[in-house]
Amino acid sequence: MELQQQFEAAVANSKTLSEKPDNETLLQLYSLYKQATEGDCSSDQAPANPFDFVAKFKYDAWQKLTGTSSADAMQQYIQLVTRLKGG
């Protein structure tokens, strides 16, 4: 199975986890997904509302992955979901 198919399967599997991951893991999943599908984030994607803390945490987590290739982000996402599924 090629990487893109494995990634799509992992995305589907992430929605069927037996328990909801903690917030740190959810941020990791979010940022890896965004990096894999959209690439590096840009400053114009920063949240406009300084009090929207969820959006800020998401943006910061994604920004930390700047420079990570799409393929690497997909691989890390797959590994994280596999670990969460108990595999």
Protein backbone atom coordinates (compact mmCIF):
# COMPACT_ATOMS: atom_id res chain seq x y z
CA MET A 1 0.00 0.00 0.00
CA GLU A 2 1.43 3.38 -0.93
CA LEU A 3 1.97 6.16 1.62
CA GLN A 4 -1.04 8.24 0.52
CA GLN A 5 -3.37 5.24 0.92
CA GLN A 6 -1.86 4.40 4.33
CA PHE A 7 -2.34 8.03 5.37
CA GLU A 8 -5.98 8.07 4.25
CA ALA A 9 -6.58 4.82 6.14
CA ALA A 10 -4.96 6.32 9.26
CA VAL A 11 -7.18 9.42 8.97
CA ALA A 12 -10.23 7.15 8.84
CA ASN A 13 -8.92 5.09 11.77
CA SER A 14 -8.31 8.23 13.83
CA LYS A 15 -12.05 8.85 13.80
CA THR A 16 -12.81 5.43 15.28
CA LEU A 17 -10.48 5.41 18.29
CA SER A 18 -11.95 3.66 21.33
CA GLU A 19 -11.16 6.65 23.56
CA LYS A 20 -10.60 10.31 22.84
CA PRO A 21 -6.89 11.22 22.98
CA ASP A 22 -5.67 13.93 25.34
CA ASN A 23 -5.42 17.51 24.08
CA GLU A 24 -1.68 17.30 23.39
CA THR A 25 -2.19 14.23 21.19
CA LEU A 26 -5.12 15.88 19.42
CA LEU A 27 -2.89 18.88 18.63
CA GLN A 28 -0.24 16.52 17.32
CA LEU A 29 -2.76 14.77 15.07
CA TYR A 30 -4.10 18.12 13.84
CA SER A 31 -0.70 19.61 13.08
CA LEU A 32 0.60 16.49 11.34
CA TYR A 33 -2.57 16.32 9.23
CA LYS A 34 -2.30 19.99 8.23
CA GLN A 35 1.41 19.65 7.42
CA ALA A 36 0.77 16.51 5.36
CA THR A 37 -2.14 17.98 3.42
CA GLU A 38 -1.29 21.70 3.16
CA GLY A 39 2.44 22.02 3.87
CA ASP A 40 4.00 24.81 5.89
CA CYS A 41 1.64 27.29 7.52
CA SER A 42 2.05 30.98 6.84
CA SER A 43 1.69 33.95 9.14
CA ASP A 44 -1.53 35.03 7.40
CA GLN A 45 -3.12 31.83 8.75
CA ALA A 46 -2.54 32.94 12.34
CA PRO A 47 -5.76 33.41 14.31
CA ALA A 48 -7.06 36.98 14.13
CA ASN A 49 -8.67 36.86 17.57
CA PRO A 50 -5.96 36.86 20.28
CA PHE A 51 -8.44 35.31 22.72
CA ASP A 52 -9.18 32.30 20.51
CA PHE A 53 -6.80 30.08 22.45
CA VAL A 54 -7.77 26.85 20.69
CA ALA A 55 -6.97 28.36 17.30
CA LYS A 56 -3.69 29.73 18.67
CA PHE A 57 -2.62 26.33 20.04
CA LYS A 58 -3.52 24.69 16.73
CA TYR A 59 -1.59 27.31 14.76
CA ASP A 60 1.45 27.05 17.05
CA ALA A 61 1.48 23.25 16.83
CA TRP A 62 1.31 23.38 13.03
CA GLN A 63 3.97 26.11 12.85
CA LYS A 64 6.41 23.89 14.81
CA LEU A 65 6.34 21.46 11.87
CA THR A 66 7.55 24.06 9.38
CA GLY A 67 10.05 22.44 7.04
CA THR A 68 8.71 18.91 7.58
CA SER A 69 7.96 17.27 4.25
CA SER A 70 4.47 16.09 3.44
CA ALA A 71 5.71 12.49 3.29
CA ASP A 72 7.38 12.73 6.72
CA ALA A 73 4.24 14.26 8.24
CA MET A 74 2.12 11.48 6.73
CA GLN A 75 4.47 8.83 8.11
CA GLN A 76 4.43 10.38 11.60
CA TYR A 77 0.64 10.64 11.49
CA ILE A 78 0.34 6.97 10.51
CA GLN A 79 2.68 5.93 13.33
CA LEU A 80 0.79 8.01 15.89
CA VAL A 81 -2.61 6.61 14.90
CA THR A 82 -1.20 3.06 14.89
CA ARG A 83 0.12 3.62 18.42
CA LEU A 84 -3.25 5.05 19.54
CA LYS A 85 -5.09 2.07 18.05
CA GLY A 86 -2.87 -0.21 20.12
CA GLY A 87 -0.89 -1.54 17.17
